[in-house]
Amino acid sequence: MKLSIAKAVVCVVIPTLVLKNEPATAQADTLKSKLLSCPDTQAEKKRIFKEANVIYPNIFCGHEKESISYVEKFSVARKDYLIRTFKRSKKFFPKAVAILKKQNVPEEFAVLLALESGFNAGAVSGAGAVGYWQIMDNVAKEYGLRIAIKENLTAEKKNKNKLTVKDKKNHKKIKFQVDDRKNFIRSTYAAARYLKDRSRNLNGDWLLIAASYNCGVGNVWDAMEKCGKKDPTFWDIKNYLPTETRAYVMNFITLNVIFKNYENFVKNNLCFTPLTTNYIENNESIKTVDLSIKEK
């Protein structure tokens, strides 16, 4: 009597390393290659575990790629400064924004108050710019602002030895008249009008306009010409501008981005780029193998 064993087909999981109709040597070489690289069994991928949540103000949309790294680094290195500036801005920004809007200037330009003078009415630059908006004498006159005039209170005498005690005491005194650059409302109106005029000169490109506020529209025009492009952007002319102006525009962007996302910033929840983690994905596949035992 013969014992008959039925054929059975069993499904098992094996790595996809079986090559059909190839010589043994070729199979060995291919198997070795697959074991080294394992492209089918293990693939390294990235999994996002925190999405970027930074929001750019409208006038800066489209400039994220060029500026995001700078903004992130500044937010870490100057965190105390940003917090301090934001708190001080609450007193000045609402009034400044209202005036800027009347001149059709974006509210984001209110941060120039921080960049220019640190909200200090008495600020005077080495170049002679004065007040909240650091306005030069010639610009102040052009926009109807009264400026202080320095004058000696004592007449110069040829023989200084003959000066009286009173003369000597007052000789170096300086009398300051009213300077509208130190008046918040008047200087803000002048700055807003200046920015509006520059928007006509620079085709409404607000980054170029910000640059012109720092270094003058003439220097911006020169940089535009040097770059050789038609209708260039700030990024096209950046390297042709003074170093101070480049930083000025980048800080202009940075303060606005941080203040737009302030709550997440102070809570350390601001994410500039998606955070990812690496993981290995197993791509093993199912193969059907005939394990039947032939009858004897």
C-alpha atoms as a PDB file:
ATOM      1  CA  MET A   1       0.000   0.000   0.000  1.00  0.00           C
ATOM      2  CA  LYS A   2       1.408   3.368  -1.021  1.00  0.00           C
ATOM      3  CA  LEU A   3       1.235   6.404   1.209  1.00  0.00           C
ATOM      4  CA  SER A   4       0.025   9.418  -0.758  1.00  0.00           C
ATOM      5  CA  ILE A   5       0.906  12.862   0.433  1.00  0.00           C
ATOM      6  CA  ALA A   6      -1.185  15.680  -1.050  1.00  0.00           C
ATOM      7  CA  LYS A   7       0.520  18.599  -2.615  1.00  0.00           C
ATOM      8  CA  ALA A   8       0.447  21.803  -0.584  1.00  0.00           C
ATOM      9  CA  VAL A   9       1.098  25.383  -1.566  1.00  0.00           C
ATOM     10  CA  VAL A  10       2.248  27.548   1.315  1.00  0.00           C
ATOM     11  CA  CYS A  11       2.599  31.343   1.420  1.00  0.00           C
ATOM     12  CA  VAL A  12       5.572  32.619   3.332  1.00  0.00           C
ATOM     13  CA  VAL A  13       7.202  36.014   3.615  1.00  0.00           C
ATOM     14  CA  ILE A  14      10.698  36.199   2.130  1.00  0.00           C
ATOM     15  CA  PRO A  15      12.781  39.126   0.973  1.00  0.00           C
ATOM     16  CA  THR A  16      12.545  39.783  -2.767  1.00  0.00           C
ATOM     17  CA  LEU A  17      16.008  38.469  -3.534  1.00  0.00           C
ATOM     18  CA  VAL A  18      15.129  35.499  -5.814  1.00  0.00           C
ATOM     19  CA  LEU A  19      16.180  35.998  -9.422  1.00  0.00           C
ATOM     20  CA  LYS A  20      14.811  33.684 -12.085  1.00  0.00           C
ATOM     21  CA  ASN A  21      16.493  32.312 -15.178  1.00  0.00           C
ATOM     22  CA  GLU A  22      19.952  33.724 -14.350  1.00  0.00           C
ATOM     23  CA  PRO A  23      23.222  31.840 -14.020  1.00  0.00           C
ATOM     24  CA  ALA A  24      24.349  31.001 -10.504  1.00  0.00           C
ATOM     25  CA  THR A  25      27.283  33.425 -10.713  1.00  0.00           C
ATOM     26  CA  ALA A  26      25.055  36.280 -11.841  1.00  0.00           C
ATOM     27  CA  GLN A  27      22.592  35.464  -9.070  1.00  0.00           C
ATOM     28  CA  ALA A  28      25.380  35.528  -6.482  1.00  0.00           C
ATOM     29  CA  ASP A  29      26.685  38.871  -7.686  1.00  0.00           C
ATOM     30  CA  THR A  30      23.234  40.378  -7.756  1.00  0.00           C
ATOM     31  CA  LEU A  31      22.424  38.959  -4.315  1.00  0.00           C
ATOM     32  CA  LYS A  32      25.619  40.475  -2.897  1.00  0.00           C
ATOM     33  CA  SER A  33      24.752  43.846  -4.399  1.00  0.00           C
ATOM     34  CA  LYS A  34      21.236  43.737  -2.957  1.00  0.00           C
ATOM     35  CA  LEU A  35      22.464  42.803   0.492  1.00  0.00           C
ATOM     36  CA  LEU A  36      24.804  45.796   0.475  1.00  0.00           C
ATOM     37  CA  SER A  37      22.276  48.367  -0.645  1.00  0.00           C
ATOM     38  CA  CYS A  38      18.950  46.741   0.218  1.00  0.00           C
ATOM     39  CA  PRO A  39      16.910  49.179  -1.898  1.00  0.00           C
ATOM     40  CA  ASP A  40      13.844  46.943  -1.845  1.00  0.00           C
ATOM     41  CA  THR A  41      13.857  45.911   1.790  1.00  0.00           C
ATOM     42  CA  GLN A  42      14.876  49.102   3.589  1.00  0.00           C
ATOM     43  CA  ALA A  43      14.270  52.669   2.416  1.00  0.00           C
ATOM     44  CA  GLU A  44      15.244  55.670   4.517  1.00  0.00           C
ATOM     45  CA  LYS A  45      12.531  58.303   4.521  1.00  0.00           C
ATOM     46  CA  LYS A  46      11.661  61.450   6.404  1.00  0.00           C
ATOM     47  CA  ARG A  47       8.585  61.907   8.535  1.00  0.00           C
ATOM     48  CA  ILE A  48       7.365  65.411   9.410  1.00  0.00           C
ATOM     49  CA  PHE A  49       6.535  65.636  13.104  1.00  0.00           C
ATOM     50  CA  LYS A  50       6.061  69.428  13.280  1.00  0.00           C
ATOM     51  CA  GLU A  51       4.819  71.629  10.464  1.00  0.00           C
ATOM     52  CA  ALA A  52       6.171  75.154   9.888  1.00  0.00           C
ATOM     53  CA  ASN A  53       3.741  77.676  11.374  1.00  0.00           C
ATOM     54  CA  VAL A  54       5.417  81.037  10.707  1.00  0.00           C
ATOM     55  CA  ILE A  55       3.153  83.552   8.947  1.00  0.00           C
ATOM     56  CA  TYR A  56       4.594  86.373   6.841  1.00  0.00           C
ATOM     57  CA  PRO A  57       2.840  89.766   6.590  1.00  0.00           C
ATOM     58  CA  ASN A  58       1.288  90.303   3.160  1.00  0.00           C
ATOM     59  CA  ILE A  59       3.895  92.738   1.822  1.00  0.00           C
ATOM     60  CA  PHE A  60       6.637  90.168   2.454  1.00  0.00           C
ATOM     61  CA  CYS A  61       4.895  87.169   0.894  1.00  0.00           C
ATOM     62  CA  GLY A  62       7.110  85.789  -1.853  1.00  0.00           C
ATOM     63  CA  HIS A  63      10.293  86.744   0.008  1.00  0.00           C
ATOM     64  CA  GLU A  64      10.274  83.809   2.422  1.00  0.00           C
ATOM     65  CA  LYS A  65      12.974  81.774   0.689  1.00  0.00           C
ATOM     66  CA  GLU A  66      15.507  84.616   0.727  1.00  0.00           C
ATOM     67  CA  SER A  67      14.815  85.764   4.284  1.00  0.00           C
ATOM     68  CA  ILE A  68      13.594  82.862   6.441  1.00  0.00           C
ATOM     69  CA  SER A  69      17.074  81.765   7.546  1.00  0.00           C
ATOM     70  CA  TYR A  70      18.019  85.306   8.595  1.00  0.00           C
ATOM     71  CA  VAL A  71      14.759  85.778  10.502  1.00  0.00           C
ATOM     72  CA  GLU A  72      15.221  82.504  12.370  1.00  0.00           C
ATOM     73  CA  LYS A  73      18.819  83.277  13.386  1.00  0.00           C
ATOM     74  CA  PHE A  74      17.910  86.813  14.480  1.00  0.00           C
ATOM     75  CA  SER A  75      14.990  85.501  16.540  1.00  0.00           C
ATOM     76  CA  VAL A  76      17.371  83.302  18.513  1.00  0.00           C
ATOM     77  CA  ALA A  77      20.319  85.676  18.866  1.00  0.00           C
ATOM     78  CA  ARG A  78      18.273  88.804  19.677  1.00  0.00           C
ATOM     79  CA  LYS A  79      15.281  87.407  21.521  1.00  0.00           C
ATOM     80  CA  ASP A  80      15.529  89.819  24.472  1.00  0.00           C
ATOM     81  CA  TYR A  81      15.767  92.787  22.114  1.00  0.00           C
ATOM     82  CA  LEU A  82      12.695  91.640  20.177  1.00  0.00           C
ATOM     83  CA  ILE A  83      10.627  91.178  23.327  1.00  0.00           C
ATOM     84  CA  ARG A  84      11.702  94.548  24.712  1.00  0.00           C
ATOM     85  CA  THR A  85      10.998  96.307  21.411  1.00  0.00           C
ATOM     86  CA  PHE A  86       7.579  94.700  21.027  1.00  0.00           C
ATOM     87  CA  LYS A  87       6.540  95.872  24.483  1.00  0.00           C
ATOM     88  CA  ARG A  88       7.676  99.431  23.798  1.00  0.00           C
ATOM     89  CA  SER A  89       5.979  99.451  20.408  1.00  0.00           C
ATOM     90  CA  LYS A  90       2.522  99.206  21.956  1.00  0.00           C
ATOM     91  CA  LYS A  91       2.712 102.876  22.924  1.00  0.00           C
ATOM     92  CA  PHE A  92       3.720 104.109  19.461  1.00  0.00           C
ATOM     93  CA  PHE A  93       2.577 101.696  16.763  1.00  0.00           C
ATOM     94  CA  PRO A  94      -1.200 102.311  16.891  1.00  0.00           C
ATOM     95  CA  LYS A  95      -0.763 106.060  16.306  1.00  0.00           C
ATOM     96  CA  ALA A  96       1.911 105.527  13.654  1.00  0.00           C
ATOM     97  CA  VAL A  97      -0.158 102.916  11.785  1.00  0.00           C
ATOM     98  CA  ALA A  98      -3.155 105.250  11.654  1.00  0.00           C
ATOM     99  CA  ILE A  99      -1.036 107.975  10.022  1.00  0.00           C
ATOM    100  CA  LEU A 100       0.683 105.583   7.614  1.00  0.00           C
ATOM    101  CA  LYS A 101      -2.658 104.266   6.403  1.00  0.00           C
ATOM    102  CA  LYS A 102      -3.843 107.799   5.619  1.00  0.00           C
ATOM    103  CA  GLN A 103      -0.916 108.063   3.192  1.00  0.00           C
ATOM    104  CA  ASN A 104      -1.518 104.546   1.770  1.00  0.00           C
ATOM    105  CA  VAL A 105       1.735 103.292   3.256  1.00  0.00           C
ATOM    106  CA  PRO A 106       1.744  99.720   4.661  1.00  0.00           C
ATOM    107  CA  GLU A 107       1.489  99.538   8.432  1.00  0.00           C
ATOM    108  CA  GLU A 108       4.626  97.387   8.487  1.00  0.00           C
ATOM    109  CA  PHE A 109       6.684 100.594   8.142  1.00  0.00           C
ATOM    110  CA  ALA A 110       5.866 101.464  11.743  1.00  0.00           C
ATOM    111  CA  VAL A 111       8.815  99.269  12.755  1.00  0.00           C
ATOM    112  CA  LEU A 112      11.153 101.907  11.310  1.00  0.00           C
ATOM    113  CA  LEU A 113      10.524 103.761  14.567  1.00  0.00           C
ATOM    114  CA  ALA A 114      12.376 100.968  16.342  1.00  0.00           C
ATOM    115  CA  LEU A 115      15.101 100.605  13.716  1.00  0.00           C
ATOM    116  CA  GLU A 116      15.745 104.326  13.361  1.00  0.00           C
ATOM    117  CA  SER A 117      15.594 105.769  16.862  1.00  0.00           C
ATOM    118  CA  GLY A 118      14.454 103.072  19.265  1.00  0.00           C
ATOM    119  CA  PHE A 119      11.387 105.271  19.904  1.00  0.00           C
ATOM    120  CA  ASN A 120      13.652 108.052  21.185  1.00  0.00           C
ATOM    121  CA  ALA A 121      12.543 111.589  20.280  1.00  0.00           C
ATOM    122  CA  GLY A 122      15.945 113.023  21.153  1.00  0.00           C
ATOM    123  CA  ALA A 123      17.992 110.613  19.050  1.00  0.00           C
ATOM    124  CA  VAL A 124      20.618 112.273  16.840  1.00  0.00           C
ATOM    125  CA  SER A 125      22.740 110.289  14.388  1.00  0.00           C
ATOM    126  CA  GLY A 126      26.354 110.979  13.511  1.00  0.00           C
ATOM    127  CA  ALA A 127      25.166 112.254  10.131  1.00  0.00           C
ATOM    128  CA  GLY A 128      22.820 114.747  11.780  1.00  0.00           C
ATOM    129  CA  ALA A 129      19.490 112.946  11.435  1.00  0.00           C
ATOM    130  CA  VAL A 130      17.142 113.858  14.290  1.00  0.00           C
ATOM    131  CA  GLY A 131      14.092 112.546  16.082  1.00  0.00           C
ATOM    132  CA  TYR A 132      11.796 109.550  16.037  1.00  0.00           C
ATOM    133  CA  TRP A 133      12.215 108.949  12.302  1.00  0.00           C
ATOM    134  CA  GLN A 134      15.824 110.195  12.031  1.00  0.00           C
ATOM    135  CA  ILE A 135      15.075 112.850   9.423  1.00  0.00           C
ATOM    136  CA  MET A 136      17.902 114.877   7.897  1.00  0.00           C
ATOM    137  CA  ASP A 137      17.771 118.707   7.769  1.00  0.00           C
ATOM    138  CA  ASN A 138      17.154 118.955   4.008  1.00  0.00           C
ATOM    139  CA  VAL A 139      14.381 116.341   4.073  1.00  0.00           C
ATOM    140  CA  ALA A 140      12.760 118.023   7.073  1.00  0.00           C
ATOM    141  CA  LYS A 141      12.649 121.341   5.227  1.00  0.00           C
ATOM    142  CA  GLU A 142      11.328 119.672   2.068  1.00  0.00           C
ATOM    143  CA  TYR A 143       8.409 118.225   4.033  1.00  0.00           C
ATOM    144  CA  GLY A 144       7.633 121.364   5.990  1.00  0.00           C
ATOM    145  CA  LEU A 145       9.146 120.530   9.357  1.00  0.00           C
ATOM    146  CA  ARG A 146      10.696 123.199  11.540  1.00  0.00           C
ATOM    147  CA  ILE A 147      14.220 122.341  12.649  1.00  0.00           C
ATOM    148  CA  ALA A 148      16.390 123.621  15.489  1.00  0.00           C
ATOM    149  CA  ILE A 149      18.885 126.385  14.709  1.00  0.00           C
ATOM    150  CA  LYS A 150      22.082 126.622  16.692  1.00  0.00           C
ATOM    151  CA  GLU A 151      23.332 130.107  17.538  1.00  0.00           C
ATOM    152  CA  ASN A 152      25.850 131.628  19.928  1.00  0.00           C
ATOM    153  CA  LEU A 153      24.455 133.838  22.669  1.00  0.00           C
ATOM    154  CA  THR A 154      27.614 135.921  22.875  1.00  0.00           C
ATOM    155  CA  ALA A 155      29.320 137.866  20.139  1.00  0.00           C
ATOM    156  CA  GLU A 156      32.784 136.764  19.186  1.00  0.00           C
ATOM    157  CA  LYS A 157      35.469 139.174  20.321  1.00  0.00           C
ATOM    158  CA  LYS A 158      38.845 139.433  18.736  1.00  0.00           C
ATOM    159  CA  ASN A 159      40.591 139.492  22.094  1.00  0.00           C
ATOM    160  CA  LYS A 160      39.117 136.665  24.157  1.00  0.00           C
ATOM    161  CA  ASN A 161      41.001 137.915  27.214  1.00  0.00           C
ATOM    162  CA  LYS A 162      38.567 140.831  27.354  1.00  0.00           C
ATOM    163  CA  LEU A 163      35.526 138.559  27.672  1.00  0.00           C
ATOM    164  CA  THR A 164      33.591 139.222  30.860  1.00  0.00           C
ATOM    165  CA  VAL A 165      32.881 136.471  33.364  1.00  0.00           C
ATOM    166  CA  LYS A 166      29.306 136.378  32.043  1.00  0.00           C
ATOM    167  CA  ASP A 167      30.540 136.166  28.455  1.00  0.00           C
ATOM    168  CA  LYS A 168      32.837 133.267  29.285  1.00  0.00           C
ATOM    169  CA  LYS A 169      30.006 131.450  31.033  1.00  0.00           C
ATOM    170  CA  ASN A 170      27.615 131.850  28.121  1.00  0.00           C
ATOM    171  CA  HIS A 171      30.132 131.595  25.303  1.00  0.00           C
ATOM    172  CA  LYS A 172      29.483 127.921  24.622  1.00  0.00           C
ATOM    173  CA  LYS A 173      25.769 127.951  25.314  1.00  0.00           C
ATOM    174  CA  ILE A 174      23.515 126.939  22.462  1.00  0.00           C
ATOM    175  CA  LYS A 175      19.905 127.914  22.037  1.00  0.00           C
ATOM    176  CA  PHE A 176      17.567 125.327  20.478  1.00  0.00           C
ATOM    177  CA  GLN A 177      14.391 126.384  18.723  1.00  0.00           C
ATOM    178  CA  VAL A 178      11.427 124.062  18.201  1.00  0.00           C
ATOM    179  CA  ASP A 179      12.337 120.956  16.176  1.00  0.00           C
ATOM    180  CA  ASP A 180       9.345 119.161  14.655  1.00  0.00           C
ATOM    181  CA  ARG A 181      11.395 116.028  14.142  1.00  0.00           C
ATOM    182  CA  LYS A 182      11.029 115.464  17.872  1.00  0.00           C
ATOM    183  CA  ASN A 183       7.262 115.828  17.632  1.00  0.00           C
ATOM    184  CA  PHE A 184       5.788 112.366  17.141  1.00  0.00           C
ATOM    185  CA  ILE A 185       2.707 113.321  15.124  1.00  0.00           C
ATOM    186  CA  ARG A 186       4.357 115.878  12.837  1.00  0.00           C
ATOM    187  CA  SER A 187       7.437 113.758  12.159  1.00  0.00           C
ATOM    188  CA  THR A 188       5.329 110.664  11.466  1.00  0.00           C
ATOM    189  CA  TYR A 189       3.241 112.541   8.907  1.00  0.00           C
ATOM    190  CA  ALA A 190       6.439 113.726   7.221  1.00  0.00           C
ATOM    191  CA  ALA A 191       7.919 110.206   7.199  1.00  0.00           C
ATOM    192  CA  ALA A 192       4.697 108.766   5.778  1.00  0.00           C
ATOM    193  CA  ARG A 193       4.644 111.337   2.982  1.00  0.00           C
ATOM    194  CA  TYR A 194       8.297 110.647   2.233  1.00  0.00           C
ATOM    195  CA  LEU A 195       7.623 106.900   1.968  1.00  0.00           C
ATOM    196  CA  LYS A 196       4.614 107.512  -0.250  1.00  0.00           C
ATOM    197  CA  ASP A 197       6.728 109.637  -2.602  1.00  0.00           C
ATOM    198  CA  ARG A 198       9.389 106.933  -2.754  1.00  0.00           C
ATOM    199  CA  SER A 199       6.720 104.405  -3.744  1.00  0.00           C
ATOM    200  CA  ARG A 200       6.228 106.466  -6.907  1.00  0.00           C
ATOM    201  CA  ASN A 201       9.990 106.554  -7.539  1.00  0.00           C
ATOM    202  CA  LEU A 202      10.492 102.820  -6.954  1.00  0.00           C
ATOM    203  CA  ASN A 203       7.423 101.230  -8.556  1.00  0.00           C
ATOM    204  CA  GLY A 204       5.784 100.376  -5.245  1.00  0.00           C
ATOM    205  CA  ASP A 205       8.497  97.870  -4.301  1.00  0.00           C
ATOM    206  CA  TRP A 206       8.391  98.157  -0.523  1.00  0.00           C
ATOM    207  CA  LEU A 207      11.749  96.507   0.107  1.00  0.00           C
ATOM    208  CA  LEU A 208      13.450  98.980  -2.222  1.00  0.00           C
ATOM    209  CA  ILE A 209      11.540 101.778  -0.508  1.00  0.00           C
ATOM    210  CA  ALA A 210      12.784 100.614   2.894  1.00  0.00           C
ATOM    211  CA  ALA A 211      16.325 100.549   1.509  1.00  0.00           C
ATOM    212  CA  SER A 212      15.919 104.097   0.214  1.00  0.00           C
ATOM    213  CA  TYR A 213      14.855 105.304   3.653  1.00  0.00           C
ATOM    214  CA  ASN A 214      18.192 104.125   4.998  1.00  0.00           C
ATOM    215  CA  CYS A 215      20.657 105.103   2.277  1.00  0.00           C
ATOM    216  CA  GLY A 216      18.711 107.516   0.057  1.00  0.00           C
ATOM    217  CA  VAL A 217      16.830 106.931  -3.170  1.00  0.00           C
ATOM    218  CA  GLY A 218      19.860 108.000  -5.231  1.00  0.00           C
ATOM    219  CA  ASN A 219      21.955 105.126  -3.900  1.00  0.00           C
ATOM    220  CA  VAL A 220      19.133 102.689  -4.624  1.00  0.00           C
ATOM    221  CA  TRP A 221      18.866 103.961  -8.203  1.00  0.00           C
ATOM    222  CA  ASP A 222      22.637 103.549  -8.621  1.00  0.00           C
ATOM    223  CA  ALA A 223      22.444  99.969  -7.339  1.00  0.00           C
ATOM    224  CA  MET A 224      19.575  99.213  -9.711  1.00  0.00           C
ATOM    225  CA  GLU A 225      21.632 100.462 -12.628  1.00  0.00           C
ATOM    226  CA  LYS A 226      24.728  98.519 -11.594  1.00  0.00           C
ATOM    227  CA  CYS A 227      22.902  95.192 -11.340  1.00  0.00           C
ATOM    228  CA  GLY A 228      22.036  95.395 -15.037  1.00  0.00           C
ATOM    229  CA  LYS A 229      18.527  93.998 -14.748  1.00  0.00           C
ATOM    230  CA  LYS A 230      15.274  95.529 -15.887  1.00  0.00           C
ATOM    231  CA  ASP A 231      12.907  96.255 -12.978  1.00  0.00           C
ATOM    232  CA  PRO A 232      15.241  94.657 -10.406  1.00  0.00           C
ATOM    233  CA  THR A 233      14.115  93.593  -6.954  1.00  0.00           C
ATOM    234  CA  PHE A 234      15.879  94.197  -3.669  1.00  0.00           C
ATOM    235  CA  TRP A 235      17.462  90.742  -3.941  1.00  0.00           C
ATOM    236  CA  ASP A 236      18.878  91.666  -7.360  1.00  0.00           C
ATOM    237  CA  ILE A 237      20.576  94.829  -6.077  1.00  0.00           C
ATOM    238  CA  LYS A 238      21.338  93.697  -2.528  1.00  0.00           C
ATOM    239  CA  ASN A 239      25.070  93.229  -3.105  1.00  0.00           C
ATOM    240  CA  TYR A 240      25.358  96.706  -4.634  1.00  0.00           C
ATOM    241  CA  LEU A 241      23.951  98.413  -1.532  1.00  0.00           C
ATOM    242  CA  PRO A 242      25.893  99.502   1.579  1.00  0.00           C
ATOM    243  CA  THR A 243      26.310  96.758   4.189  1.00  0.00           C
ATOM    244  CA  GLU A 244      24.295  98.786   6.686  1.00  0.00           C
ATOM    245  CA  THR A 245      21.391  99.058   4.238  1.00  0.00           C
ATOM    246  CA  ARG A 246      21.331  95.325   3.556  1.00  0.00           C
ATOM    247  CA  ALA A 247      21.077  94.613   7.291  1.00  0.00           C
ATOM    248  CA  TYR A 248      18.490  97.380   7.668  1.00  0.00           C
ATOM    249  CA  VAL A 249      16.116  95.805   5.150  1.00  0.00           C
ATOM    250  CA  MET A 250      16.616  92.319   6.574  1.00  0.00           C
ATOM    251  CA  ASN A 251      15.850  93.658  10.060  1.00  0.00           C
ATOM    252  CA  PHE A 252      12.805  95.448   8.646  1.00  0.00           C
ATOM    253  CA  ILE A 253      11.508  92.085   7.462  1.00  0.00           C
ATOM    254  CA  THR A 254      12.519  90.285  10.656  1.00  0.00           C
ATOM    255  CA  LEU A 255      10.813  92.580  13.146  1.00  0.00           C
ATOM    256  CA  ASN A 256       7.585  92.445  11.173  1.00  0.00           C
ATOM    257  CA  VAL A 257       7.628  88.654  10.891  1.00  0.00           C
ATOM    258  CA  ILE A 258       8.349  88.168  14.593  1.00  0.00           C
ATOM    259  CA  PHE A 259       5.716  90.700  15.686  1.00  0.00           C
ATOM    260  CA  LYS A 260       3.189  89.010  13.376  1.00  0.00           C
ATOM    261  CA  ASN A 261       3.892  85.694  15.145  1.00  0.00           C
ATOM    262  CA  TYR A 262       4.645  87.125  18.569  1.00  0.00           C
ATOM    263  CA  GLU A 263       2.586  84.739  20.716  1.00  0.00           C
ATOM    264  CA  ASN A 264       4.214  81.651  19.238  1.00  0.00           C
ATOM    265  CA  PHE A 265       7.595  83.380  19.401  1.00  0.00           C
ATOM    266  CA  VAL A 266       7.522  84.116  23.146  1.00  0.00           C
ATOM    267  CA  LYS A 267       6.198  80.635  23.886  1.00  0.00           C
ATOM    268  CA  ASN A 268       8.991  79.044  21.810  1.00  0.00           C
ATOM    269  CA  ASN A 269       6.369  77.493  19.536  1.00  0.00           C
ATOM    270  CA  LEU A 270       7.422  79.295  16.370  1.00  0.00           C
ATOM    271  CA  CYS A 271       8.570  76.820  13.718  1.00  0.00           C
ATOM    272  CA  PHE A 272      10.264  78.313  10.645  1.00  0.00           C
ATOM    273  CA  THR A 273      10.725  75.126   8.596  1.00  0.00           C
ATOM    274  CA  PRO A 274       9.103  71.670   8.893  1.00  0.00           C
ATOM    275  CA  LEU A 275      10.844  69.514  11.503  1.00  0.00           C
ATOM    276  CA  THR A 276      11.474  65.954  10.303  1.00  0.00           C
ATOM    277  CA  THR A 277      12.852  62.684  11.607  1.00  0.00           C
ATOM    278  CA  ASN A 278      14.435  59.842   9.640  1.00  0.00           C
ATOM    279  CA  TYR A 279      12.951  56.363   9.705  1.00  0.00           C
ATOM    280  CA  ILE A 280      13.401  53.061   7.889  1.00  0.00           C
ATOM    281  CA  GLU A 281      10.492  51.689   5.900  1.00  0.00           C
ATOM    282  CA  ASN A 282      10.439  47.885   5.393  1.00  0.00           C
ATOM    283  CA  ASN A 283       9.354  47.056   1.851  1.00  0.00           C
ATOM    284  CA  GLU A 284       9.237  43.255   2.145  1.00  0.00           C
ATOM    285  CA  SER A 285       6.752  41.678  -0.233  1.00  0.00           C
ATOM    286  CA  ILE A 286       4.698  38.458  -0.310  1.00  0.00           C
ATOM    287  CA  LYS A 287       5.902  35.614  -2.510  1.00  0.00           C
ATOM    288  CA  THR A 288       4.148  32.278  -3.240  1.00  0.00           C
ATOM    289  CA  VAL A 289       6.439  29.225  -3.132  1.00  0.00           C
ATOM    290  CA  ASP A 290       5.543  25.662  -4.120  1.00  0.00           C
ATOM    291  CA  LEU A 291       6.588  23.323  -1.251  1.00  0.00           C
ATOM    292  CA  SER A 292       4.776  20.220  -2.515  1.00  0.00           C
ATOM    293  CA  ILE A 293       6.375  16.782  -1.870  1.00  0.00           C
ATOM    294  CA  LYS A 294       6.370  14.464  -4.842  1.00  0.00           C
ATOM    295  CA  GLU A 295       4.804  11.003  -4.457  1.00  0.00           C
ATOM    296  CA  LYS A 296       7.261   8.148  -4.341  1.00  0.00           C
END
